[in-house]
Amino acid sequence: MSYFRETAQKRDLTTLASLHQVNIAREFGEQFIGMKDGQVMFVGSRAELTPSIIEEIYGEIQTEELREGTETADSNDFMQSEPTHIEAEL
């Protein structure tokens, strides 16, 4: 993820990544779109992406663990999802 950030900054590009790992997304992302069941539930900045919004999208998350850099949820699908990275030059 650091590579994508550095490359985007050097080339003045926008990078789009689809992640299910909220802690990684919050570390590297600037703007976020949160979806649930195919519907957009949230659009905003890192500061606007609160634990309550994350819980609304993913279900019950232990927010203390999220603050410590890990994430947990009730759904096994959430934890087993692999991230998809997309980089495009426009």
C-alpha atoms as a PDB file:
ATOM      1  CA  MET A   1       0.000   0.000   0.000  1.00  0.00           C
ATOM      2  CA  SER A   2       2.912   2.328   0.672  1.00  0.00           C
ATOM      3  CA  TYR A   3       4.088   1.782  -2.898  1.00  0.00           C
ATOM      4  CA  PHE A   4       0.687   2.793  -4.285  1.00  0.00           C
ATOM      5  CA  ARG A   5       0.615   5.940  -2.130  1.00  0.00           C
ATOM      6  CA  GLU A   6       4.159   6.984  -3.086  1.00  0.00           C
ATOM      7  CA  THR A   7       3.618   6.305  -6.794  1.00  0.00           C
ATOM      8  CA  ALA A   8       0.322   8.201  -6.827  1.00  0.00           C
ATOM      9  CA  GLN A   9       1.905  11.198  -5.091  1.00  0.00           C
ATOM     10  CA  LYS A  10       4.934  11.262  -7.401  1.00  0.00           C
ATOM     11  CA  ARG A  11       2.813  11.004 -10.558  1.00  0.00           C
ATOM     12  CA  ASP A  12      -0.130  13.071  -9.284  1.00  0.00           C
ATOM     13  CA  LEU A  13      -2.491  10.110  -9.787  1.00  0.00           C
ATOM     14  CA  THR A  14      -5.618   8.931  -8.065  1.00  0.00           C
ATOM     15  CA  THR A  15      -5.451   5.382  -6.701  1.00  0.00           C
ATOM     16  CA  LEU A  16      -8.564   3.348  -5.967  1.00  0.00           C
ATOM     17  CA  ALA A  17      -8.394   0.275  -3.729  1.00  0.00           C
ATOM     18  CA  SER A  18     -11.233  -1.989  -2.655  1.00  0.00           C
ATOM     19  CA  LEU A  19     -10.445  -3.276   0.833  1.00  0.00           C
ATOM     20  CA  HIS A  20     -12.299  -5.212   3.493  1.00  0.00           C
ATOM     21  CA  GLN A  21      -9.528  -4.602   6.034  1.00  0.00           C
ATOM     22  CA  VAL A  22     -10.784  -1.410   7.649  1.00  0.00           C
ATOM     23  CA  ASN A  23      -7.613  -0.751   9.644  1.00  0.00           C
ATOM     24  CA  ILE A  24      -5.481  -0.823   6.467  1.00  0.00           C
ATOM     25  CA  ALA A  25      -7.959   1.338   4.575  1.00  0.00           C
ATOM     26  CA  ARG A  26      -7.981   3.927   7.377  1.00  0.00           C
ATOM     27  CA  GLU A  27      -4.176   3.969   7.514  1.00  0.00           C
ATOM     28  CA  PHE A  28      -3.662   4.618   3.807  1.00  0.00           C
ATOM     29  CA  GLY A  29      -6.932   6.082   2.536  1.00  0.00           C
ATOM     30  CA  GLU A  30      -7.985   9.693   2.332  1.00  0.00           C
ATOM     31  CA  GLN A  31     -11.551   9.335   1.043  1.00  0.00           C
ATOM     32  CA  PHE A  32     -13.857   6.361   1.587  1.00  0.00           C
ATOM     33  CA  ILE A  33     -16.960   4.798   0.106  1.00  0.00           C
ATOM     34  CA  GLY A  34     -18.649   2.218   2.329  1.00  0.00           C
ATOM     35  CA  MET A  35     -21.064  -0.271   0.779  1.00  0.00           C
ATOM     36  CA  LYS A  36     -23.412  -2.862   2.220  1.00  0.00           C
ATOM     37  CA  ASP A  37     -25.535  -5.259   0.189  1.00  0.00           C
ATOM     38  CA  GLY A  38     -24.752  -3.340  -3.006  1.00  0.00           C
ATOM     39  CA  GLN A  39     -25.860   0.013  -1.583  1.00  0.00           C
ATOM     40  CA  VAL A  40     -23.625   2.996  -0.837  1.00  0.00           C
ATOM     41  CA  MET A  41     -23.876   3.594   2.909  1.00  0.00           C
ATOM     42  CA  PHE A  42     -21.107   6.162   3.410  1.00  0.00           C
ATOM     43  CA  VAL A  43     -18.977   8.621   1.455  1.00  0.00           C
ATOM     44  CA  GLY A  44     -16.455  10.740   3.318  1.00  0.00           C
ATOM     45  CA  SER A  45     -13.038  11.349   4.799  1.00  0.00           C
ATOM     46  CA  ARG A  46     -11.025   9.396   7.362  1.00  0.00           C
ATOM     47  CA  ALA A  47     -12.216  11.760  10.116  1.00  0.00           C
ATOM     48  CA  GLU A  48     -15.846  11.153   9.139  1.00  0.00           C
ATOM     49  CA  LEU A  49     -15.442   7.349   9.106  1.00  0.00           C
ATOM     50  CA  THR A  50     -16.373   6.729  12.732  1.00  0.00           C
ATOM     51  CA  PRO A  51     -16.590   3.377  14.538  1.00  0.00           C
ATOM     52  CA  SER A  52     -20.401   3.659  14.533  1.00  0.00           C
ATOM     53  CA  ILE A  53     -20.453   4.012  10.738  1.00  0.00           C
ATOM     54  CA  ILE A  54     -18.095   1.039  10.394  1.00  0.00           C
ATOM     55  CA  GLU A  55     -20.379  -1.016  12.657  1.00  0.00           C
ATOM     56  CA  GLU A  56     -23.405   0.001  10.581  1.00  0.00           C
ATOM     57  CA  ILE A  57     -21.698  -1.270   7.427  1.00  0.00           C
ATOM     58  CA  TYR A  58     -19.944  -4.415   8.711  1.00  0.00           C
ATOM     59  CA  GLY A  59     -21.988  -5.335  11.741  1.00  0.00           C
ATOM     60  CA  GLU A  60     -20.636  -5.606  15.251  1.00  0.00           C
ATOM     61  CA  ILE A  61     -16.958  -4.747  15.373  1.00  0.00           C
ATOM     62  CA  GLN A  62     -14.914  -4.631  18.523  1.00  0.00           C
ATOM     63  CA  THR A  63     -13.913  -0.995  18.190  1.00  0.00           C
ATOM     64  CA  GLU A  64     -11.148  -1.218  20.794  1.00  0.00           C
ATOM     65  CA  GLU A  65      -9.347  -3.769  18.626  1.00  0.00           C
ATOM     66  CA  LEU A  66      -9.948  -1.587  15.582  1.00  0.00           C
ATOM     67  CA  ARG A  67      -8.222   1.317  17.352  1.00  0.00           C
ATOM     68  CA  GLU A  68      -5.292  -0.981  18.157  1.00  0.00           C
ATOM     69  CA  GLY A  69      -4.822  -1.817  14.468  1.00  0.00           C
ATOM     70  CA  THR A  70      -6.720  -5.094  14.198  1.00  0.00           C
ATOM     71  CA  GLU A  71     -10.303  -5.739  13.294  1.00  0.00           C
ATOM     72  CA  THR A  72     -12.879  -8.325  14.209  1.00  0.00           C
ATOM     73  CA  ALA A  73     -16.445  -8.921  13.157  1.00  0.00           C
ATOM     74  CA  ASP A  74     -19.151 -11.491  13.624  1.00  0.00           C
ATOM     75  CA  SER A  75     -19.125 -12.498   9.965  1.00  0.00           C
ATOM     76  CA  ASN A  76     -16.493 -15.015   8.828  1.00  0.00           C
ATOM     77  CA  ASP A  77     -16.928 -13.694   5.284  1.00  0.00           C
ATOM     78  CA  PHE A  78     -15.663 -10.293   6.417  1.00  0.00           C
ATOM     79  CA  MET A  79     -12.463 -11.682   7.899  1.00  0.00           C
ATOM     80  CA  GLN A  80     -11.747 -14.101   5.039  1.00  0.00           C
ATOM     81  CA  SER A  81     -12.222 -11.589   2.211  1.00  0.00           C
ATOM     82  CA  GLU A  82      -9.135 -10.845   0.167  1.00  0.00           C
ATOM     83  CA  PRO A  83      -8.445  -7.235  -0.840  1.00  0.00           C
ATOM     84  CA  THR A  84      -8.669  -6.213  -4.467  1.00  0.00           C
ATOM     85  CA  HIS A  85      -6.290  -3.476  -5.574  1.00  0.00           C
ATOM     86  CA  ILE A  86      -6.966  -1.400  -8.656  1.00  0.00           C
ATOM     87  CA  GLU A  87      -4.616   1.248  -9.994  1.00  0.00           C
ATOM     88  CA  ALA A  88      -5.486   3.221 -13.085  1.00  0.00           C
ATOM     89  CA  GLU A  89      -3.874   6.177 -14.767  1.00  0.00           C
ATOM     90  CA  LEU A  90      -6.498   8.620 -15.994  1.00  0.00           C
END
